């Protein structure tokens, strides 16, 4: 949706800017700078005339130009804001949030095999300290969390930034637990199957085709196909086969605006997906 809104905003801004008159226009034509500007516009050789201006006249002219530029910018800003409101693209009051993926810890001296649990914590209105201090791979003691949903091995929690605390565990204490963090990395499409379960990874590729938006089971859906040029190698053959192709399905409720989906213009462009999560099929 952000991409479509950005395109609409850019188009409106371009249209308004193209309508702006760059010539001299002032509500106070008695200003010396305004008079000089008019004279330069009407002069057959404005460069020659400008070269003959005194330092005081140049200061007046420069000051006038600065005022005109500020006035035009203010006028454009008002027109853009008005046009965005008419087009339904005005800014919205959105609550900021931060999503943090966490995993359970197993003590090194534990005699039993602990089943790893995964969690996804949504922090509404995170504090500046939380945004700056939360680091991947760090062990924290978190308080003030509330459960929101549970699906198989994934626990969903939420909290408000002002009511939750994240206390880093000392390195000496964190060393008592089994290793749990593997930094994410970019992988080729041909190697996605080798990504360990519950691990994060990044991919990038060229979009080959953007499908139509269609309705299915009260949901709007769209398929997008991309490749990164890596080759698919069959387990039974050592020879290279066709390029790997990734099919990505996007969906949202049928009541959502089509602006949440992708434009056909995305075909041929390189895109990247960050923080993908490997789950059992």
C-alpha atoms as a PDB file:
ATOM      1  CA  UNK A   1       0.000   0.000   0.000  1.00  0.00           C
ATOM      2  CA  UNK A   2       2.898   2.330   0.720  1.00  0.00           C
ATOM      3  CA  UNK A   3       4.188   1.947  -2.824  1.00  0.00           C
ATOM      4  CA  UNK A   4       0.864   2.889  -4.423  1.00  0.00           C
ATOM      5  CA  UNK A   5       0.356   5.811  -2.025  1.00  0.00           C
ATOM      6  CA  UNK A   6       3.871   7.052  -2.828  1.00  0.00           C
ATOM      7  CA  UNK A   7       3.149   6.900  -6.574  1.00  0.00           C
ATOM      8  CA  UNK A   8      -0.090   8.855  -6.112  1.00  0.00           C
ATOM      9  CA  UNK A   9       1.576  11.502  -3.952  1.00  0.00           C
ATOM     10  CA  UNK A  10       4.452  11.887  -6.429  1.00  0.00           C
ATOM     11  CA  UNK A  11       2.054  12.304  -9.373  1.00  0.00           C
ATOM     12  CA  UNK A  12       0.055  14.992  -7.552  1.00  0.00           C
ATOM     13  CA  UNK A  13       3.227  16.851  -6.556  1.00  0.00           C
ATOM     14  CA  UNK A  14       4.580  16.722 -10.125  1.00  0.00           C
ATOM     15  CA  UNK A  15       1.332  18.064 -11.580  1.00  0.00           C
ATOM     16  CA  UNK A  16       1.236  20.957  -9.138  1.00  0.00           C
ATOM     17  CA  UNK A  17       4.908  21.817  -9.626  1.00  0.00           C
ATOM     18  CA  UNK A  18       4.451  21.891 -13.405  1.00  0.00           C
ATOM     19  CA  UNK A  19       1.707  24.491 -12.949  1.00  0.00           C
ATOM     20  CA  UNK A  20       3.898  26.844 -10.929  1.00  0.00           C
ATOM     21  CA  UNK A  21       4.959  30.074 -12.626  1.00  0.00           C
ATOM     22  CA  UNK A  22       8.674  30.624 -12.160  1.00  0.00           C
ATOM     23  CA  UNK A  23       8.436  34.256 -13.290  1.00  0.00           C
ATOM     24  CA  UNK A  24       8.535  37.202 -10.915  1.00  0.00           C
ATOM     25  CA  UNK A  25       5.314  37.640  -8.976  1.00  0.00           C
ATOM     26  CA  UNK A  26       5.121  39.597  -5.761  1.00  0.00           C
ATOM     27  CA  UNK A  27       2.394  41.120  -3.687  1.00  0.00           C
ATOM     28  CA  UNK A  28       4.732  44.061  -3.141  1.00  0.00           C
ATOM     29  CA  UNK A  29       5.930  45.276  -6.536  1.00  0.00           C
ATOM     30  CA  UNK A  30       7.370  48.391  -4.893  1.00  0.00           C
ATOM     31  CA  UNK A  31      10.297  46.363  -3.544  1.00  0.00           C
ATOM     32  CA  UNK A  32      13.563  47.162  -5.257  1.00  0.00           C
ATOM     33  CA  UNK A  33      14.213  43.438  -5.728  1.00  0.00           C
ATOM     34  CA  UNK A  34      10.859  43.049  -7.506  1.00  0.00           C
ATOM     35  CA  UNK A  35      11.629  45.972  -9.797  1.00  0.00           C
ATOM     36  CA  UNK A  36      15.033  44.521 -10.682  1.00  0.00           C
ATOM     37  CA  UNK A  37      13.438  41.129 -11.366  1.00  0.00           C
ATOM     38  CA  UNK A  38      10.905  42.696 -13.754  1.00  0.00           C
ATOM     39  CA  UNK A  39      13.658  44.605 -15.521  1.00  0.00           C
ATOM     40  CA  UNK A  40      15.720  41.428 -15.973  1.00  0.00           C
ATOM     41  CA  UNK A  41      12.688  39.604 -17.416  1.00  0.00           C
ATOM     42  CA  UNK A  42      12.124  42.325 -19.995  1.00  0.00           C
ATOM     43  CA  UNK A  43      15.798  42.911 -20.845  1.00  0.00           C
ATOM     44  CA  UNK A  44      17.126  41.651 -24.191  1.00  0.00           C
ATOM     45  CA  UNK A  45      20.398  40.626 -22.519  1.00  0.00           C
ATOM     46  CA  UNK A  46      19.674  39.966 -18.813  1.00  0.00           C
ATOM     47  CA  UNK A  47      23.203  38.652 -18.190  1.00  0.00           C
ATOM     48  CA  UNK A  48      24.729  41.960 -19.254  1.00  0.00           C
ATOM     49  CA  UNK A  49      22.261  43.900 -17.122  1.00  0.00           C
ATOM     50  CA  UNK A  50      22.927  41.707 -14.074  1.00  0.00           C
ATOM     51  CA  UNK A  51      26.662  42.226 -14.455  1.00  0.00           C
ATOM     52  CA  UNK A  52      26.069  45.959 -14.135  1.00  0.00           C
ATOM     53  CA  UNK A  53      24.139  45.798 -10.870  1.00  0.00           C
ATOM     54  CA  UNK A  54      25.660  47.334  -7.753  1.00  0.00           C
ATOM     55  CA  UNK A  55      26.323  45.222  -4.656  1.00  0.00           C
ATOM     56  CA  UNK A  56      23.304  46.797  -2.919  1.00  0.00           C
ATOM     57  CA  UNK A  57      21.074  45.953  -5.901  1.00  0.00           C
ATOM     58  CA  UNK A  58      22.381  42.349  -5.946  1.00  0.00           C
ATOM     59  CA  UNK A  59      21.583  42.006  -2.232  1.00  0.00           C
ATOM     60  CA  UNK A  60      18.046  43.334  -2.820  1.00  0.00           C
ATOM     61  CA  UNK A  61      17.565  40.997  -5.791  1.00  0.00           C
ATOM     62  CA  UNK A  62      18.873  37.930  -3.894  1.00  0.00           C
ATOM     63  CA  UNK A  63      16.676  38.731  -0.893  1.00  0.00           C
ATOM     64  CA  UNK A  64      13.648  39.067  -3.166  1.00  0.00           C
ATOM     65  CA  UNK A  65      14.407  35.728  -4.857  1.00  0.00           C
ATOM     66  CA  UNK A  66      14.651  33.995  -1.460  1.00  0.00           C
ATOM     67  CA  UNK A  67      11.278  35.419  -0.402  1.00  0.00           C
ATOM     68  CA  UNK A  68       9.721  34.328  -3.694  1.00  0.00           C
ATOM     69  CA  UNK A  69      11.110  30.807  -3.336  1.00  0.00           C
ATOM     70  CA  UNK A  70       9.717  30.469   0.186  1.00  0.00           C
ATOM     71  CA  UNK A  71       6.322  31.803  -0.948  1.00  0.00           C
ATOM     72  CA  UNK A  72       6.188  29.310  -3.849  1.00  0.00           C
ATOM     73  CA  UNK A  73       7.130  26.416  -1.557  1.00  0.00           C
ATOM     74  CA  UNK A  74       4.390  27.346   0.905  1.00  0.00           C
ATOM     75  CA  UNK A  75       1.862  27.633  -1.919  1.00  0.00           C
ATOM     76  CA  UNK A  76       2.861  24.252  -3.359  1.00  0.00           C
ATOM     77  CA  UNK A  77       2.666  22.621   0.085  1.00  0.00           C
ATOM     78  CA  UNK A  78      -0.884  23.927   0.586  1.00  0.00           C
ATOM     79  CA  UNK A  79      -1.977  22.763  -2.876  1.00  0.00           C
ATOM     80  CA  UNK A  80      -0.425  19.314  -2.401  1.00  0.00           C
ATOM     81  CA  UNK A  81      -2.088  18.870   0.991  1.00  0.00           C
ATOM     82  CA  UNK A  82      -5.452  19.920  -0.462  1.00  0.00           C
ATOM     83  CA  UNK A  83      -5.072  17.628  -3.493  1.00  0.00           C
ATOM     84  CA  UNK A  84      -4.045  14.682  -1.294  1.00  0.00           C
ATOM     85  CA  UNK A  85      -7.114  15.179   0.873  1.00  0.00           C
ATOM     86  CA  UNK A  86      -9.383  15.222  -2.191  1.00  0.00           C
ATOM     87  CA  UNK A  87      -7.672  12.085  -3.563  1.00  0.00           C
ATOM     88  CA  UNK A  88      -7.952  10.273  -0.228  1.00  0.00           C
ATOM     89  CA  UNK A  89      -4.170  10.139   0.179  1.00  0.00           C
ATOM     90  CA  UNK A  90      -3.752  12.476   3.124  1.00  0.00           C
ATOM     91  CA  UNK A  91      -1.610  11.372   6.034  1.00  0.00           C
ATOM     92  CA  UNK A  92      -3.206   9.029   8.534  1.00  0.00           C
ATOM     93  CA  UNK A  93      -2.816   8.692  12.263  1.00  0.00           C
ATOM     94  CA  UNK A  94      -0.961   5.375  12.509  1.00  0.00           C
ATOM     95  CA  UNK A  95       0.183   3.845  15.786  1.00  0.00           C
ATOM     96  CA  UNK A  96       3.868   2.873  15.503  1.00  0.00           C
ATOM     97  CA  UNK A  97       4.847  -0.612  16.576  1.00  0.00           C
ATOM     98  CA  UNK A  98       7.876  -2.864  16.743  1.00  0.00           C
ATOM     99  CA  UNK A  99       7.827  -6.626  16.188  1.00  0.00           C
ATOM    100  CA  UNK A 100      10.412  -8.700  18.036  1.00  0.00           C
ATOM    101  CA  UNK A 101      10.904 -12.410  17.350  1.00  0.00           C
ATOM    102  CA  UNK A 102      12.130 -14.329  20.377  1.00  0.00           C
ATOM    103  CA  UNK A 103      13.014 -17.910  21.231  1.00  0.00           C
ATOM    104  CA  UNK A 104      13.150 -19.898  24.448  1.00  0.00           C
ATOM    105  CA  UNK A 105      16.476 -20.777  26.070  1.00  0.00           C
ATOM    106  CA  UNK A 106      17.822 -24.156  27.181  1.00  0.00           C
ATOM    107  CA  UNK A 107      20.343 -24.411  30.009  1.00  0.00           C
ATOM    108  CA  UNK A 108      23.577 -26.172  29.122  1.00  0.00           C
ATOM    109  CA  UNK A 109      23.406 -28.508  32.114  1.00  0.00           C
ATOM    110  CA  UNK A 110      19.752 -29.406  31.572  1.00  0.00           C
ATOM    111  CA  UNK A 111      19.304 -33.172  31.627  1.00  0.00           C
ATOM    112  CA  UNK A 112      16.235 -33.158  29.392  1.00  0.00           C
ATOM    113  CA  UNK A 113      15.849 -32.128  25.776  1.00  0.00           C
ATOM    114  CA  UNK A 114      13.879 -28.904  25.902  1.00  0.00           C
ATOM    115  CA  UNK A 115      11.456 -28.276  23.043  1.00  0.00           C
ATOM    116  CA  UNK A 116      12.282 -24.889  21.593  1.00  0.00           C
ATOM    117  CA  UNK A 117       9.442 -22.369  21.690  1.00  0.00           C
ATOM    118  CA  UNK A 118       9.195 -19.398  19.358  1.00  0.00           C
ATOM    119  CA  UNK A 119       7.418 -16.136  20.089  1.00  0.00           C
ATOM    120  CA  UNK A 120       6.505 -12.925  18.298  1.00  0.00           C
ATOM    121  CA  UNK A 121       6.149  -9.826  20.473  1.00  0.00           C
ATOM    122  CA  UNK A 122       4.417  -6.688  19.205  1.00  0.00           C
ATOM    123  CA  UNK A 123       5.453  -3.548  21.101  1.00  0.00           C
ATOM    124  CA  UNK A 124       2.986  -0.716  20.511  1.00  0.00           C
ATOM    125  CA  UNK A 125       4.434   2.803  20.713  1.00  0.00           C
ATOM    126  CA  UNK A 126       7.969   1.589  21.476  1.00  0.00           C
ATOM    127  CA  UNK A 127      10.160   4.029  23.360  1.00  0.00           C
ATOM    128  CA  UNK A 128      13.230   5.539  21.708  1.00  0.00           C
ATOM    129  CA  UNK A 129      15.379   3.605  24.184  1.00  0.00           C
ATOM    130  CA  UNK A 130      13.781   0.306  23.165  1.00  0.00           C
ATOM    131  CA  UNK A 131      14.281   1.028  19.471  1.00  0.00           C
ATOM    132  CA  UNK A 132      17.928   1.841  20.105  1.00  0.00           C
ATOM    133  CA  UNK A 133      18.796  -0.806  22.712  1.00  0.00           C
ATOM    134  CA  UNK A 134      17.083  -3.982  21.460  1.00  0.00           C
ATOM    135  CA  UNK A 135      19.779  -5.977  19.656  1.00  0.00           C
ATOM    136  CA  UNK A 136      19.574  -9.265  17.760  1.00  0.00           C
ATOM    137  CA  UNK A 137      21.306 -12.115  19.580  1.00  0.00           C
ATOM    138  CA  UNK A 138      21.091 -10.477  23.022  1.00  0.00           C
ATOM    139  CA  UNK A 139      19.381 -12.239  25.943  1.00  0.00           C
ATOM    140  CA  UNK A 140      16.778 -10.151  27.790  1.00  0.00           C
ATOM    141  CA  UNK A 141      14.506 -10.489  30.783  1.00  0.00           C
ATOM    142  CA  UNK A 142      11.217  -8.955  29.590  1.00  0.00           C
ATOM    143  CA  UNK A 143       8.339  -7.894  31.828  1.00  0.00           C
ATOM    144  CA  UNK A 144       4.908  -6.413  31.174  1.00  0.00           C
ATOM    145  CA  UNK A 145       3.983  -8.712  28.266  1.00  0.00           C
ATOM    146  CA  UNK A 146       0.443  -9.917  27.548  1.00  0.00           C
ATOM    147  CA  UNK A 147      -0.568 -13.008  25.530  1.00  0.00           C
ATOM    148  CA  UNK A 148      -2.626 -12.390  22.399  1.00  0.00           C
ATOM    149  CA  UNK A 149      -2.670 -15.706  20.543  1.00  0.00           C
ATOM    150  CA  UNK A 150      -1.048 -19.115  20.403  1.00  0.00           C
ATOM    151  CA  UNK A 151      -0.539 -21.174  17.260  1.00  0.00           C
ATOM    152  CA  UNK A 152       1.283 -24.546  17.459  1.00  0.00           C
ATOM    153  CA  UNK A 153       4.764 -23.679  18.760  1.00  0.00           C
ATOM    154  CA  UNK A 154       4.466 -19.930  18.201  1.00  0.00           C
ATOM    155  CA  UNK A 155       3.390 -17.694  21.073  1.00  0.00           C
ATOM    156  CA  UNK A 156       2.101 -14.219  20.211  1.00  0.00           C
ATOM    157  CA  UNK A 157       2.530 -11.507  22.835  1.00  0.00           C
ATOM    158  CA  UNK A 158       1.971  -7.767  22.920  1.00  0.00           C
ATOM    159  CA  UNK A 159       2.747  -4.815  25.145  1.00  0.00           C
ATOM    160  CA  UNK A 160       2.944  -1.043  25.215  1.00  0.00           C
ATOM    161  CA  UNK A 161       6.390   0.476  25.061  1.00  0.00           C
ATOM    162  CA  UNK A 162       5.848   2.498  28.225  1.00  0.00           C
ATOM    163  CA  UNK A 163       4.733  -0.515  30.272  1.00  0.00           C
ATOM    164  CA  UNK A 164       7.264  -3.162  29.260  1.00  0.00           C
ATOM    165  CA  UNK A 165      10.837  -3.499  30.460  1.00  0.00           C
ATOM    166  CA  UNK A 166      13.730  -5.192  28.656  1.00  0.00           C
ATOM    167  CA  UNK A 167      16.707  -5.901  30.912  1.00  0.00           C
ATOM    168  CA  UNK A 168      19.783  -7.334  29.158  1.00  0.00           C
ATOM    169  CA  UNK A 169      21.200 -10.450  30.793  1.00  0.00           C
ATOM    170  CA  UNK A 170      24.876 -10.225  31.697  1.00  0.00           C
ATOM    171  CA  UNK A 171      27.233 -11.991  29.283  1.00  0.00           C
ATOM    172  CA  UNK A 172      28.416 -14.365  32.021  1.00  0.00           C
ATOM    173  CA  UNK A 173      24.834 -15.451  32.726  1.00  0.00           C
ATOM    174  CA  UNK A 174      23.928 -15.722  29.025  1.00  0.00           C
ATOM    175  CA  UNK A 175      26.883 -18.076  28.545  1.00  0.00           C
ATOM    176  CA  UNK A 176      25.098 -20.659  30.732  1.00  0.00           C
ATOM    177  CA  UNK A 177      22.550 -21.290  27.969  1.00  0.00           C
ATOM    178  CA  UNK A 178      22.894 -23.314  24.798  1.00  0.00           C
ATOM    179  CA  UNK A 179      23.596 -21.342  21.585  1.00  0.00           C
ATOM    180  CA  UNK A 180      20.340 -20.050  20.155  1.00  0.00           C
ATOM    181  CA  UNK A 181      21.144 -17.305  17.660  1.00  0.00           C
ATOM    182  CA  UNK A 182      22.235 -17.673  14.055  1.00  0.00           C
ATOM    183  CA  UNK A 183      22.667 -14.338  12.251  1.00  0.00           C
ATOM    184  CA  UNK A 184      20.456 -14.187   9.194  1.00  0.00           C
ATOM    185  CA  UNK A 185      22.027 -14.069   5.744  1.00  0.00           C
ATOM    186  CA  UNK A 186      20.999 -13.715   2.128  1.00  0.00           C
ATOM    187  CA  UNK A 187      20.451 -17.045   0.359  1.00  0.00           C
ATOM    188  CA  UNK A 188      19.913 -18.052  -3.248  1.00  0.00           C
ATOM    189  CA  UNK A 189      16.522 -19.462  -4.191  1.00  0.00           C
ATOM    190  CA  UNK A 190      18.157 -22.807  -4.961  1.00  0.00           C
ATOM    191  CA  UNK A 191      19.337 -23.063  -1.331  1.00  0.00           C
ATOM    192  CA  UNK A 192      16.146 -22.085   0.510  1.00  0.00           C
ATOM    193  CA  UNK A 193      15.538 -25.732   1.401  1.00  0.00           C
ATOM    194  CA  UNK A 194      18.814 -25.791   3.344  1.00  0.00           C
ATOM    195  CA  UNK A 195      17.812 -22.954   5.688  1.00  0.00           C
ATOM    196  CA  UNK A 196      17.359 -24.392   9.220  1.00  0.00           C
ATOM    197  CA  UNK A 197      13.823 -24.327  10.575  1.00  0.00           C
ATOM    198  CA  UNK A 198      12.911 -21.218  12.598  1.00  0.00           C
ATOM    199  CA  UNK A 199      15.875 -19.350  11.088  1.00  0.00           C
ATOM    200  CA  UNK A 200      15.563 -15.982   9.402  1.00  0.00           C
ATOM    201  CA  UNK A 201      16.953 -15.277   5.949  1.00  0.00           C
ATOM    202  CA  UNK A 202      16.890 -12.663   3.171  1.00  0.00           C
ATOM    203  CA  UNK A 203      16.372 -13.133  -0.564  1.00  0.00           C
ATOM    204  CA  UNK A 204      16.521 -10.896  -3.627  1.00  0.00           C
ATOM    205  CA  UNK A 205      15.459 -11.439  -7.215  1.00  0.00           C
ATOM    206  CA  UNK A 206      14.082  -9.974 -10.417  1.00  0.00           C
ATOM    207  CA  UNK A 207      10.287  -9.872 -10.740  1.00  0.00           C
ATOM    208  CA  UNK A 208       9.235 -11.827 -13.841  1.00  0.00           C
ATOM    209  CA  UNK A 209       5.470 -11.521 -13.576  1.00  0.00           C
ATOM    210  CA  UNK A 210       2.872  -9.753 -11.432  1.00  0.00           C
ATOM    211  CA  UNK A 211      -0.445 -11.575 -11.455  1.00  0.00           C
ATOM    212  CA  UNK A 212      -3.940 -10.139 -11.387  1.00  0.00           C
ATOM    213  CA  UNK A 213      -5.695  -9.530  -8.077  1.00  0.00           C
ATOM    214  CA  UNK A 214      -8.470 -12.093  -7.657  1.00  0.00           C
ATOM    215  CA  UNK A 215     -11.047 -13.064  -5.035  1.00  0.00           C
ATOM    216  CA  UNK A 216     -10.861 -16.429  -3.253  1.00  0.00           C
ATOM    217  CA  UNK A 217     -12.619 -17.475  -0.026  1.00  0.00           C
ATOM    218  CA  UNK A 218     -13.465 -13.900   0.970  1.00  0.00           C
ATOM    219  CA  UNK A 219      -9.868 -12.844   0.434  1.00  0.00           C
ATOM    220  CA  UNK A 220      -8.172 -10.805  -2.258  1.00  0.00           C
ATOM    221  CA  UNK A 221      -5.074 -12.559  -3.532  1.00  0.00           C
ATOM    222  CA  UNK A 222      -2.225 -11.952  -5.928  1.00  0.00           C
ATOM    223  CA  UNK A 223       0.729 -14.009  -7.158  1.00  0.00           C
ATOM    224  CA  UNK A 224       4.178 -12.605  -7.842  1.00  0.00           C
ATOM    225  CA  UNK A 225       6.963 -14.595  -9.551  1.00  0.00           C
ATOM    226  CA  UNK A 226      10.667 -13.843  -9.323  1.00  0.00           C
ATOM    227  CA  UNK A 227      14.066 -15.426  -9.996  1.00  0.00           C
ATOM    228  CA  UNK A 228      17.640 -14.753  -8.917  1.00  0.00           C
ATOM    229  CA  UNK A 229      19.355 -16.697 -11.694  1.00  0.00           C
ATOM    230  CA  UNK A 230      20.382 -19.635  -9.490  1.00  0.00           C
ATOM    231  CA  UNK A 231      19.894 -23.083 -10.998  1.00  0.00           C
ATOM    232  CA  UNK A 232      17.747 -25.934  -9.767  1.00  0.00           C
ATOM    233  CA  UNK A 233      19.749 -29.166  -9.522  1.00  0.00           C
ATOM    234  CA  UNK A 234      17.788 -32.398  -9.345  1.00  0.00           C
ATOM    235  CA  UNK A 235      18.743 -34.886  -6.648  1.00  0.00           C
ATOM    236  CA  UNK A 236      18.919 -37.636  -9.279  1.00  0.00           C
ATOM    237  CA  UNK A 237      20.896 -35.639 -11.843  1.00  0.00           C
ATOM    238  CA  UNK A 238      24.130 -33.700 -11.563  1.00  0.00           C
ATOM    239  CA  UNK A 239      23.419 -31.480 -14.548  1.00  0.00           C
ATOM    240  CA  UNK A 240      21.979 -28.013 -14.154  1.00  0.00           C
ATOM    241  CA  UNK A 241      18.307 -27.553 -14.863  1.00  0.00           C
ATOM    242  CA  UNK A 242      16.162 -24.457 -15.325  1.00  0.00           C
ATOM    243  CA  UNK A 243      16.472 -21.242 -13.321  1.00  0.00           C
ATOM    244  CA  UNK A 244      14.867 -21.380  -9.893  1.00  0.00           C
ATOM    245  CA  UNK A 245      11.516 -19.637  -9.741  1.00  0.00           C
ATOM    246  CA  UNK A 246       9.863 -18.399  -6.565  1.00  0.00           C
ATOM    247  CA  UNK A 247       6.086 -17.950  -6.471  1.00  0.00           C
ATOM    248  CA  UNK A 248       4.891 -15.630  -3.703  1.00  0.00           C
ATOM    249  CA  UNK A 249       1.233 -15.377  -2.725  1.00  0.00           C
ATOM    250  CA  UNK A 250      -0.086 -12.193  -1.096  1.00  0.00           C
ATOM    251  CA  UNK A 251      -3.534 -11.974   0.463  1.00  0.00           C
ATOM    252  CA  UNK A 252      -5.713  -9.653   2.531  1.00  0.00           C
ATOM    253  CA  UNK A 253      -9.385  -9.308   3.407  1.00  0.00           C
ATOM    254  CA  UNK A 254     -11.816  -8.714   0.560  1.00  0.00           C
ATOM    255  CA  UNK A 255     -12.709  -5.334   2.084  1.00  0.00           C
ATOM    256  CA  UNK A 256      -9.151  -4.054   1.655  1.00  0.00           C
ATOM    257  CA  UNK A 257      -8.207  -1.561  -1.026  1.00  0.00           C
ATOM    258  CA  UNK A 258      -6.409  -2.931  -4.094  1.00  0.00           C
ATOM    259  CA  UNK A 259      -3.666  -0.447  -3.273  1.00  0.00           C
ATOM    260  CA  UNK A 260      -2.326  -3.088  -0.866  1.00  0.00           C
ATOM    261  CA  UNK A 261      -1.170  -5.133  -3.861  1.00  0.00           C
ATOM    262  CA  UNK A 262       1.538  -4.714  -6.486  1.00  0.00           C
ATOM    263  CA  UNK A 263       1.465  -2.848  -9.776  1.00  0.00           C
ATOM    264  CA  UNK A 264       2.303  -4.527 -13.088  1.00  0.00           C
ATOM    265  CA  UNK A 265       5.046  -1.907 -13.407  1.00  0.00           C
ATOM    266  CA  UNK A 266       7.038  -3.899 -10.835  1.00  0.00           C
ATOM    267  CA  UNK A 267       7.871  -6.498 -13.516  1.00  0.00           C
ATOM    268  CA  UNK A 268      11.540  -6.358 -14.462  1.00  0.00           C
ATOM    269  CA  UNK A 269      12.557  -4.692 -11.203  1.00  0.00           C
ATOM    270  CA  UNK A 270      14.795  -6.178  -8.523  1.00  0.00           C
ATOM    271  CA  UNK A 271      13.125  -6.651  -5.142  1.00  0.00           C
ATOM    272  CA  UNK A 272      14.314  -7.924  -1.795  1.00  0.00           C
ATOM    273  CA  UNK A 273      12.532  -9.684   1.051  1.00  0.00           C
ATOM    274  CA  UNK A 274      14.058  -9.332   4.492  1.00  0.00           C
ATOM    275  CA  UNK A 275      13.595 -11.342   7.670  1.00  0.00           C
ATOM    276  CA  UNK A 276      11.759 -14.265   6.104  1.00  0.00           C
ATOM    277  CA  UNK A 277      11.099 -17.069   8.545  1.00  0.00           C
ATOM    278  CA  UNK A 278      11.653 -20.746   7.729  1.00  0.00           C
ATOM    279  CA  UNK A 279       8.737 -22.857   9.000  1.00  0.00           C
ATOM    280  CA  UNK A 280       7.774 -26.530   8.574  1.00  0.00           C
ATOM    281  CA  UNK A 281       5.694 -27.143   5.449  1.00  0.00           C
END
